[in-house]
């Protein structure tokens, strides 16, 4: 399964950029975001996204 991870702006919460990753990468990205205080939004990726 693949997930879209969007990095959110600290001021207004709008999406700054996004990437689609496999399930194995989600944990690493979440831990990096937690360590740096970065806000992210994670959702299942569309089957057509790459």
Protein backbone atom coordinates (compact mmCIF):
# COMPACT_ATOMS: atom_id res chain seq x y z
CA UNK A 1 0.00 0.00 0.00
CA UNK A 2 1.19 3.52 -0.76
CA UNK A 3 0.59 6.72 1.20
CA UNK A 4 0.70 10.40 0.35
CA UNK A 5 2.52 12.45 2.96
CA UNK A 6 2.08 16.21 2.89
CA UNK A 7 4.33 18.58 4.79
CA UNK A 8 2.22 21.36 6.33
CA UNK A 9 3.08 25.02 6.83
CA UNK A 10 3.59 25.88 10.51
CA UNK A 11 1.66 29.15 10.24
CA UNK A 12 -1.55 28.32 8.39
CA UNK A 13 -1.44 24.55 7.94
CA UNK A 14 -1.52 24.58 4.14
CA UNK A 15 0.30 21.82 2.28
CA UNK A 16 3.81 22.92 1.32
CA UNK A 17 4.76 19.79 -0.63
CA UNK A 18 3.82 16.15 -0.87
CA UNK A 19 5.33 12.81 -1.69
CA UNK A 20 3.98 9.29 -2.22
CA UNK A 21 5.80 6.53 -0.35
CA UNK A 22 5.36 2.86 0.40
CA UNK A 23 4.14 1.65 3.78
CA UNK A 24 7.64 0.72 4.93
CA UNK A 25 8.78 4.36 4.63
CA UNK A 26 5.92 5.89 6.62
CA UNK A 27 7.36 5.03 10.04
CA UNK A 28 10.73 6.60 9.22
CA UNK A 29 9.11 9.79 7.93
CA UNK A 30 6.82 10.06 10.97
CA UNK A 31 9.78 9.66 13.32
CA UNK A 32 11.76 12.34 11.45
CA UNK A 33 8.79 14.72 11.59
CA UNK A 34 8.32 14.09 15.31
CA UNK A 35 12.01 14.70 16.02
CA UNK A 36 11.98 18.05 14.21
CA UNK A 37 8.47 19.18 15.18
CA UNK A 38 7.33 19.16 11.56
CA UNK A 39 3.61 18.97 10.85
CA UNK A 40 2.57 16.31 8.34
CA UNK A 41 -0.66 14.86 6.98
CA UNK A 42 -0.79 11.23 5.87
CA UNK A 43 -3.48 9.61 3.73
CA UNK A 44 -3.74 6.57 1.49
CA UNK A 45 -2.56 7.42 -2.01
CA UNK A 46 -4.82 7.07 -5.01
CA UNK A 47 -4.08 3.95 -6.99
CA UNK A 48 -3.28 6.23 -9.94
CA UNK A 49 -0.71 8.33 -8.01
CA UNK A 50 2.97 7.58 -8.49
